[in-house]
Amino acid sequence: MREFYQVINQYSEFIELSWQPAPLARVKFYEAQGCRKGDAVIAAHAEALDVNVIVSENRQFLQTVRALPLEILTADKARSRLARLLS
């Protein structure tokens, strides 16, 4: 995970932070799909921001939702992909 954060710090132009709250209607939608509250908030926020990739070491993260419009990668896979894109 440390290597992943080093890559992120090195290429911070690829990272966007947002502190806007997730749309409540979409949070409720993801909860109805079987997500736990925290996962539902993350999924709704990712949808609202048109996120392509979420990096998570949680193997069960968003597994209840079918056809998510994004990829969930481990830190190692995300680091490898970013390194390939930048080489």
C-alpha atoms as a PDB file:
ATOM      1  CA  MET A   1       0.000   0.000   0.000  1.00  0.00           C
ATOM      2  CA  ARG A   2       2.894   2.355   0.753  1.00  0.00           C
ATOM      3  CA  GLU A   3       4.172   1.990  -2.821  1.00  0.00           C
ATOM      4  CA  PHE A   4       0.716   2.860  -4.123  1.00  0.00           C
ATOM      5  CA  TYR A   5       0.652   6.105  -2.126  1.00  0.00           C
ATOM      6  CA  GLN A   6       4.136   6.944  -3.362  1.00  0.00           C
ATOM      7  CA  VAL A   7       2.904   6.639  -6.957  1.00  0.00           C
ATOM      8  CA  ILE A   8      -0.168   8.732  -6.137  1.00  0.00           C
ATOM      9  CA  ASN A   9       1.986  11.450  -4.590  1.00  0.00           C
ATOM     10  CA  GLN A  10       4.314  11.378  -7.574  1.00  0.00           C
ATOM     11  CA  TYR A  11       1.435  11.715 -10.077  1.00  0.00           C
ATOM     12  CA  SER A  12      -1.070  13.775  -8.110  1.00  0.00           C
ATOM     13  CA  GLU A  13      -2.445  15.367 -11.304  1.00  0.00           C
ATOM     14  CA  PHE A  14      -4.422  12.129 -11.808  1.00  0.00           C
ATOM     15  CA  ILE A  15      -6.159  12.416  -8.430  1.00  0.00           C
ATOM     16  CA  GLU A  16      -9.250  14.443  -7.621  1.00  0.00           C
ATOM     17  CA  LEU A  17     -10.652  14.895  -4.125  1.00  0.00           C
ATOM     18  CA  SER A  18     -14.217  15.920  -3.453  1.00  0.00           C
ATOM     19  CA  TRP A  19     -15.866  16.632  -0.129  1.00  0.00           C
ATOM     20  CA  GLN A  20     -19.359  17.035  -1.571  1.00  0.00           C
ATOM     21  CA  PRO A  21     -21.868  14.679   0.061  1.00  0.00           C
ATOM     22  CA  ALA A  22     -23.150  11.753  -1.963  1.00  0.00           C
ATOM     23  CA  PRO A  23     -26.698  12.165  -3.336  1.00  0.00           C
ATOM     24  CA  LEU A  24     -29.045  10.672  -0.732  1.00  0.00           C
ATOM     25  CA  ALA A  25     -31.358   9.116  -3.334  1.00  0.00           C
ATOM     26  CA  ARG A  26     -28.432   7.176  -4.823  1.00  0.00           C
ATOM     27  CA  VAL A  27     -27.251   6.107  -1.366  1.00  0.00           C
ATOM     28  CA  LYS A  28     -30.735   4.690  -0.734  1.00  0.00           C
ATOM     29  CA  PHE A  29     -30.630   3.004  -4.171  1.00  0.00           C
ATOM     30  CA  TYR A  30     -27.380   1.198  -3.347  1.00  0.00           C
ATOM     31  CA  GLU A  31     -28.655   0.228   0.097  1.00  0.00           C
ATOM     32  CA  ALA A  32     -31.697  -1.309  -1.612  1.00  0.00           C
ATOM     33  CA  GLN A  33     -29.251  -3.254  -3.807  1.00  0.00           C
ATOM     34  CA  GLY A  34     -27.828  -4.832  -0.639  1.00  0.00           C
ATOM     35  CA  CYS A  35     -24.890  -2.547   0.139  1.00  0.00           C
ATOM     36  CA  ARG A  36     -23.973  -1.732   3.695  1.00  0.00           C
ATOM     37  CA  LYS A  37     -24.332   1.973   4.550  1.00  0.00           C
ATOM     38  CA  GLY A  38     -20.656   2.853   4.071  1.00  0.00           C
ATOM     39  CA  ASP A  39     -20.418   0.956   0.790  1.00  0.00           C
ATOM     40  CA  ALA A  40     -23.635   2.581  -0.437  1.00  0.00           C
ATOM     41  CA  VAL A  41     -22.250   6.054   0.270  1.00  0.00           C
ATOM     42  CA  ILE A  42     -19.014   5.257  -1.575  1.00  0.00           C
ATOM     43  CA  ALA A  43     -20.878   3.786  -4.563  1.00  0.00           C
ATOM     44  CA  ALA A  44     -23.217   6.791  -4.767  1.00  0.00           C
ATOM     45  CA  HIS A  45     -20.320   9.208  -4.490  1.00  0.00           C
ATOM     46  CA  ALA A  46     -18.348   7.346  -7.174  1.00  0.00           C
ATOM     47  CA  GLU A  47     -21.367   7.414  -9.473  1.00  0.00           C
ATOM     48  CA  ALA A  48     -21.931  11.140  -8.935  1.00  0.00           C
ATOM     49  CA  LEU A  49     -18.275  11.882  -9.727  1.00  0.00           C
ATOM     50  CA  ASP A  50     -18.174   9.507 -12.726  1.00  0.00           C
ATOM     51  CA  VAL A  51     -15.325   7.541 -11.138  1.00  0.00           C
ATOM     52  CA  ASN A  52     -13.738   4.817 -13.271  1.00  0.00           C
ATOM     53  CA  VAL A  53     -11.727   3.002 -10.583  1.00  0.00           C
ATOM     54  CA  ILE A  54     -11.981   2.529  -6.827  1.00  0.00           C
ATOM     55  CA  VAL A  55      -8.932   1.205  -4.999  1.00  0.00           C
ATOM     56  CA  SER A  56      -9.825  -1.055  -2.093  1.00  0.00           C
ATOM     57  CA  GLU A  57      -8.267  -3.946  -0.205  1.00  0.00           C
ATOM     58  CA  ASN A  58     -11.737  -4.984   1.004  1.00  0.00           C
ATOM     59  CA  ARG A  59     -12.525  -8.154  -0.975  1.00  0.00           C
ATOM     60  CA  GLN A  60     -16.235  -7.872  -0.167  1.00  0.00           C
ATOM     61  CA  PHE A  61     -16.527  -4.214  -1.140  1.00  0.00           C
ATOM     62  CA  LEU A  62     -19.560  -3.636  -3.387  1.00  0.00           C
ATOM     63  CA  GLN A  63     -19.832  -7.337  -4.241  1.00  0.00           C
ATOM     64  CA  THR A  64     -23.621  -7.252  -3.888  1.00  0.00           C
ATOM     65  CA  VAL A  65     -24.064  -4.770  -6.745  1.00  0.00           C
ATOM     66  CA  ARG A  66     -24.202  -6.159 -10.264  1.00  0.00           C
ATOM     67  CA  ALA A  67     -22.980  -4.236 -13.309  1.00  0.00           C
ATOM     68  CA  LEU A  68     -21.178  -1.431 -11.525  1.00  0.00           C
ATOM     69  CA  PRO A  69     -19.981   1.183 -14.027  1.00  0.00           C
ATOM     70  CA  LEU A  70     -16.494   1.126 -12.457  1.00  0.00           C
ATOM     71  CA  GLU A  71     -13.658  -1.215 -11.570  1.00  0.00           C
ATOM     72  CA  ILE A  72     -12.538  -2.134  -8.087  1.00  0.00           C
ATOM     73  CA  LEU A  73      -8.792  -2.777  -7.912  1.00  0.00           C
ATOM     74  CA  THR A  74      -6.429  -3.699  -5.118  1.00  0.00           C
ATOM     75  CA  ALA A  75      -3.690  -1.178  -4.381  1.00  0.00           C
ATOM     76  CA  ASP A  76      -1.108  -3.409  -6.033  1.00  0.00           C
ATOM     77  CA  LYS A  77      -3.137  -3.795  -9.229  1.00  0.00           C
ATOM     78  CA  ALA A  78      -3.859  -0.066  -9.336  1.00  0.00           C
ATOM     79  CA  ARG A  79      -0.178   0.743  -8.841  1.00  0.00           C
ATOM     80  CA  SER A  80       0.807  -1.666 -11.622  1.00  0.00           C
ATOM     81  CA  ARG A  81      -1.772  -0.248 -14.004  1.00  0.00           C
ATOM     82  CA  LEU A  82      -0.770   3.334 -13.286  1.00  0.00           C
ATOM     83  CA  ALA A  83       2.908   2.467 -13.758  1.00  0.00           C
ATOM     84  CA  ARG A  84       2.108   0.861 -17.156  1.00  0.00           C
ATOM     85  CA  LEU A  85       0.101   3.904 -18.238  1.00  0.00           C
ATOM     86  CA  LEU A  86       2.921   6.238 -17.287  1.00  0.00           C
ATOM     87  CA  SER A  87       5.752   4.286 -18.877  1.00  0.00           C
END
